[in-house]
C-alpha atoms as a PDB file:
ATOM      1  CA  MET A   1      -0.001   0.001   0.001  1.00  0.00           C
ATOM      2  CA  GLY A   2       1.330   3.386  -0.948  1.00  0.00           C
ATOM      3  CA  THR A   3      -0.214   6.779  -0.382  1.00  0.00           C
ATOM      4  CA  GLU A   4      -3.029   6.366  -2.891  1.00  0.00           C
ATOM      5  CA  PHE A   5      -5.598   5.944  -0.093  1.00  0.00           C
ATOM      6  CA  VAL A   6      -4.448   8.774   2.192  1.00  0.00           C
ATOM      7  CA  ASP A   7      -7.124  11.220   1.006  1.00  0.00           C
ATOM      8  CA  TRP A   8      -9.824   8.619   1.526  1.00  0.00           C
ATOM      9  CA  PHE A   9      -8.630   7.858   5.074  1.00  0.00           C
ATOM     10  CA  ASN A  10      -8.319  11.576   5.816  1.00  0.00           C
ATOM     11  CA  GLU A  11     -12.021  11.909   4.976  1.00  0.00           C
ATOM     12  CA  TRP A  12     -12.969   8.787   6.956  1.00  0.00           C
ATOM     13  CA  ALA A  13     -10.953   9.676  10.073  1.00  0.00           C
ATOM     14  CA  GLU A  14     -13.744  11.623  11.774  1.00  0.00           C
ATOM     15  CA  SER A  15     -16.214   8.716  11.689  1.00  0.00           C
ATOM     16  CA  TYR A  16     -13.788   5.763  11.553  1.00  0.00           C
ATOM     17  CA  ASP A  17     -14.201   4.607  15.158  1.00  0.00           C
ATOM     18  CA  SER A  18     -17.990   4.894  14.919  1.00  0.00           C
ATOM     19  CA  THR A  19     -17.958   2.820  11.750  1.00  0.00           C
ATOM     20  CA  VAL A  20     -15.742   0.010  13.028  1.00  0.00           C
ATOM     21  CA  GLY A  21     -17.343   0.168  16.485  1.00  0.00           C
ATOM     22  CA  GLY A  22     -20.756  -0.793  15.110  1.00  0.00           C
ATOM     23  CA  ILE A  23     -22.431   2.557  15.736  1.00  0.00           C
ATOM     24  CA  ASP A  24     -22.884   3.204  12.026  1.00  0.00           C
ATOM     25  CA  GLU A  25     -25.836   0.930  11.158  1.00  0.00           C
ATOM     26  CA  GLN A  26     -24.764   0.614   7.528  1.00  0.00           C
ATOM     27  CA  TYR A  27     -21.602  -1.238   8.559  1.00  0.00           C
ATOM     28  CA  GLN A  28     -22.677  -3.045  11.755  1.00  0.00           C
ATOM     29  CA  GLU A  29     -22.616  -6.491  10.199  1.00  0.00           C
ATOM     30  CA  VAL A  30     -19.285  -5.953   8.431  1.00  0.00           C
ATOM     31  CA  PHE A  31     -17.547  -4.911  11.654  1.00  0.00           C
ATOM     32  CA  SER A  32     -19.511  -7.080  14.113  1.00  0.00           C
ATOM     33  CA  HIS A  33     -16.392  -8.999  15.198  1.00  0.00           C
ATOM     34  CA  TYR A  34     -13.906  -6.147  14.882  1.00  0.00           C
ATOM     35  CA  ASN A  35     -12.757  -6.147  18.529  1.00  0.00           C
ATOM     36  CA  LEU A  36     -12.499  -9.933  18.579  1.00  0.00           C
ATOM     37  CA  ILE A  37     -10.299  -9.793  15.492  1.00  0.00           C
ATOM     38  CA  LEU A  38      -8.075  -7.143  17.077  1.00  0.00           C
ATOM     39  CA  GLU A  39      -7.745  -9.258  20.211  1.00  0.00           C
ATOM     40  CA  GLU A  40      -6.830 -12.379  18.219  1.00  0.00           C
ATOM     41  CA  VAL A  41      -4.268 -10.511  16.137  1.00  0.00           C
ATOM     42  CA  SER A  42      -2.687  -9.041  19.262  1.00  0.00           C
ATOM     43  CA  LYS A  43      -2.451 -12.497  20.858  1.00  0.00           C
ATOM     44  CA  ARG A  44      -0.410 -13.741  17.899  1.00  0.00           C
ATOM     45  CA  ALA A  45       2.045 -10.830  17.855  1.00  0.00           C
ATOM     46  CA  LYS A  46       5.396 -11.281  19.559  1.00  0.00           C
ATOM     47  CA  GLY A  47       8.288  -9.013  20.452  1.00  0.00           C
ATOM     48  CA  LEU A  48       8.801  -5.826  18.530  1.00  0.00           C
ATOM     49  CA  THR A  49       5.777  -5.297  16.275  1.00  0.00           C
ATOM     50  CA  LEU A  50       5.626  -3.093  13.182  1.00  0.00           C
ATOM     51  CA  GLU A  51       2.098  -1.917  12.478  1.00  0.00           C
ATOM     52  CA  PHE A  52       1.515  -0.228   9.140  1.00  0.00           C
ATOM     53  CA  GLY A  53      -1.752   1.654   8.798  1.00  0.00           C
ATOM     54  CA  VAL A  54      -2.299   2.321  12.491  1.00  0.00           C
ATOM     55  CA  GLY A  55      -5.442   4.336  11.807  1.00  0.00           C
ATOM     56  CA  THR A  56      -6.847   5.644  15.080  1.00  0.00           C
ATOM     57  CA  GLY A  57      -4.780   3.182  17.092  1.00  0.00           C
ATOM     58  CA  ASN A  58      -7.306   0.461  17.906  1.00  0.00           C
ATOM     59  CA  LEU A  59      -4.963  -2.474  17.277  1.00  0.00           C
ATOM     60  CA  THR A  60      -2.061  -0.556  18.799  1.00  0.00           C
ATOM     61  CA  LYS A  61      -3.966  -0.298  22.102  1.00  0.00           C
ATOM     62  CA  HIS A  62      -4.440  -4.067  22.164  1.00  0.00           C
ATOM     63  CA  LEU A  63      -0.754  -4.650  21.396  1.00  0.00           C
ATOM     64  CA  LEU A  64       0.375  -2.243  24.113  1.00  0.00           C
ATOM     65  CA  THR A  65      -1.959  -3.876  26.626  1.00  0.00           C
ATOM     66  CA  ARG A  66      -0.065  -7.099  25.939  1.00  0.00           C
ATOM     67  CA  LYS A  67       3.174  -5.229  26.797  1.00  0.00           C
ATOM     68  CA  LEU A  68       4.522  -5.415  23.252  1.00  0.00           C
ATOM     69  CA  LYS A  69       6.815  -2.804  21.772  1.00  0.00           C
ATOM     70  CA  VAL A  70       5.095  -1.255  18.768  1.00  0.00           C
ATOM     71  CA  ILE A  71       6.388   0.859  15.917  1.00  0.00           C
ATOM     72  CA  GLY A  72       3.368   2.372  14.208  1.00  0.00           C
ATOM     73  CA  ILE A  73       3.246   3.977  10.793  1.00  0.00           C
ATOM     74  CA  GLU A  74       0.178   5.944   9.704  1.00  0.00           C
ATOM     75  CA  PRO A  75       0.359   7.916   6.451  1.00  0.00           C
ATOM     76  CA  SER A  76      -2.933   9.769   7.015  1.00  0.00           C
ATOM     77  CA  PRO A  77      -2.498  13.020   8.997  1.00  0.00           C
ATOM     78  CA  ALA A  78      -6.192  13.007   9.965  1.00  0.00           C
ATOM     79  CA  MET A  79      -5.967   9.459  11.336  1.00  0.00           C
ATOM     80  CA  ARG A  80      -2.838  10.364  13.320  1.00  0.00           C
ATOM     81  CA  GLU A  81      -4.745  13.271  14.900  1.00  0.00           C
ATOM     82  CA  LYS A  82      -7.421  10.844  16.143  1.00  0.00           C
ATOM     83  CA  GLN A  83      -4.971   8.503  17.888  1.00  0.00           C
ATOM     84  CA  GLY A  84      -5.493   8.547  21.611  1.00  0.00           C
END
């Protein structure tokens, strides 16, 4: 993935967490197991983890909870602003 999607993610940043969190009815079914998937991915990570496309940091939070060292790369400035 290059930077071809940065503009799209910049536009999506404001509502991203609502969309993946199931609040946006249009996408509830698509993201119904989102947190479970993040938890499973974080369980399989080991040691120093490189995460490309951090978004708002949802997976990063899971990885850090598991005491992993994370290097995150997020090309979208709007997504980086939303990271908590």
